[in-house]
Amino acid sequence: MKKMNEITVSVVPCSAKPITFDETKCIGCNTCAKMCQCDVLLPSTEKGQHPIVAWPGECWYCGACVMMCPVEGAIHLQHPLMNRTKFVETIPDPNA
């Protein structure tokens, strides 16, 4: 029988925290890690624990992890400040 090599991963330090988990809601199914297009998430080695956000600076903010999560509210995607927009409704000028 072939021996499997173990891989040790350390989380890369980054000021960005794009993905956070609500530990009371996350069921540890790792669906989000499977759906992540840029492999930011690694499946947790502990059953029932949320995935590891290993490379937060590489997140594309696509939202695939949030959309595919079977538990609503278990994952929160926080876009960087410069990517957030706020639309303000304008009031039409009656004289125009």
Protein backbone atom coordinates (compact mmCIF):
# COMPACT_ATOMS: atom_id res chain seq x y z
CA MET A 1 0.00 0.00 0.00
CA LYS A 2 1.33 3.39 -0.98
CA LYS A 3 1.93 5.87 1.83
CA MET A 4 0.24 9.24 1.33
CA ASN A 5 2.34 12.31 1.88
CA GLU A 6 1.04 14.81 4.41
CA ILE A 7 0.82 18.44 3.46
CA THR A 8 1.18 21.14 6.06
CA VAL A 9 -0.44 24.46 5.25
CA SER A 10 0.04 27.68 7.12
CA VAL A 11 -2.36 30.56 6.62
CA VAL A 12 -0.82 33.45 4.68
CA PRO A 13 -1.01 36.69 6.71
CA CYS A 14 -3.12 39.33 4.99
CA SER A 15 -5.00 42.45 6.05
CA ALA A 16 -7.99 41.44 3.89
CA LYS A 17 -10.62 39.25 5.50
CA PRO A 18 -12.95 38.57 2.58
CA ILE A 19 -14.65 35.46 3.93
CA THR A 20 -15.92 34.90 7.45
CA PHE A 21 -17.98 32.03 8.82
CA ASP A 22 -20.75 31.98 11.39
CA GLU A 23 -19.61 29.01 13.45
CA THR A 24 -23.10 28.55 14.87
CA LYS A 25 -24.52 27.98 11.36
CA CYS A 26 -21.68 26.35 9.39
CA ILE A 27 -22.11 22.57 9.20
CA GLY A 28 -18.61 21.91 7.85
CA CYS A 29 -19.75 20.35 4.57
CA ASN A 30 -16.85 22.02 2.66
CA THR A 31 -19.12 22.78 -0.31
CA CYS A 32 -17.73 26.32 -0.37
CA ALA A 33 -14.16 25.03 -0.56
CA LYS A 34 -15.10 22.80 -3.50
CA MET A 35 -16.78 25.70 -5.32
CA CYS A 36 -14.05 28.30 -4.77
CA GLN A 37 -12.72 29.21 -8.22
CA CYS A 38 -9.36 30.45 -6.99
CA ASP A 39 -8.74 27.90 -4.21
CA VAL A 40 -8.75 30.44 -1.39
CA LEU A 41 -10.50 27.92 0.87
CA LEU A 42 -9.09 24.62 2.01
CA PRO A 43 -11.36 21.92 3.45
CA SER A 44 -11.09 21.59 7.20
CA THR A 45 -9.34 18.50 8.46
CA GLU A 46 -11.74 18.37 11.41
CA LYS A 47 -15.23 17.09 10.68
CA GLY A 48 -17.91 19.71 11.22
CA GLN A 49 -15.50 22.68 11.17
CA HIS A 50 -15.60 25.46 8.60
CA PRO A 51 -12.93 25.53 5.86
CA ILE A 52 -9.65 27.36 6.28
CA VAL A 53 -9.28 30.72 4.51
CA ALA A 54 -5.68 30.02 3.47
CA TRP A 55 -5.04 32.75 0.88
CA PRO A 56 -7.44 35.64 1.62
CA GLY A 57 -5.60 38.09 -0.64
CA GLU A 58 -6.33 35.90 -3.67
CA CYS A 59 -10.13 36.09 -3.31
CA TRP A 60 -11.95 37.26 -6.46
CA TYR A 61 -15.08 38.18 -4.45
CA CYS A 62 -17.18 36.20 -6.93
CA GLY A 63 -19.58 34.95 -4.25
CA ALA A 64 -19.60 31.31 -5.43
CA CYS A 65 -18.92 30.13 -1.88
CA VAL A 66 -21.91 32.05 -0.51
CA MET A 67 -24.26 31.05 -3.34
CA MET A 68 -23.48 27.33 -3.06
CA CYS A 69 -23.61 27.12 0.74
CA PRO A 70 -26.57 24.97 1.81
CA VAL A 71 -27.04 26.99 5.03
CA GLU A 72 -28.12 30.59 4.56
CA GLY A 73 -25.99 33.01 6.55
CA ALA A 74 -23.18 30.57 7.32
CA ILE A 75 -20.71 32.48 5.11
CA HIS A 76 -20.30 36.23 4.84
CA LEU A 77 -18.40 37.80 1.95
CA GLN A 78 -16.99 41.24 2.75
CA HIS A 79 -16.00 43.23 -0.33
CA PRO A 80 -13.11 45.69 0.06
CA LEU A 81 -14.14 49.27 0.73
CA MET A 82 -13.06 50.48 -2.69
CA ASN A 83 -15.30 47.87 -4.37
CA ARG A 84 -18.44 48.82 -2.47
CA THR A 85 -20.83 51.19 -4.13
CA LYS A 86 -23.68 53.17 -2.77
CA PHE A 87 -26.35 54.30 -5.15
CA VAL A 88 -28.22 57.39 -4.14
CA GLU A 89 -31.65 57.95 -5.56
CA THR A 90 -31.91 61.34 -7.18
CA ILE A 91 -34.95 63.50 -7.03
CA PRO A 92 -35.95 64.74 -10.49
CA ASP A 93 -35.75 68.51 -10.88
CA PRO A 94 -39.30 69.74 -11.67
CA ASN A 95 -37.83 72.72 -13.56
CA ALA A 96 -35.75 70.59 -15.91
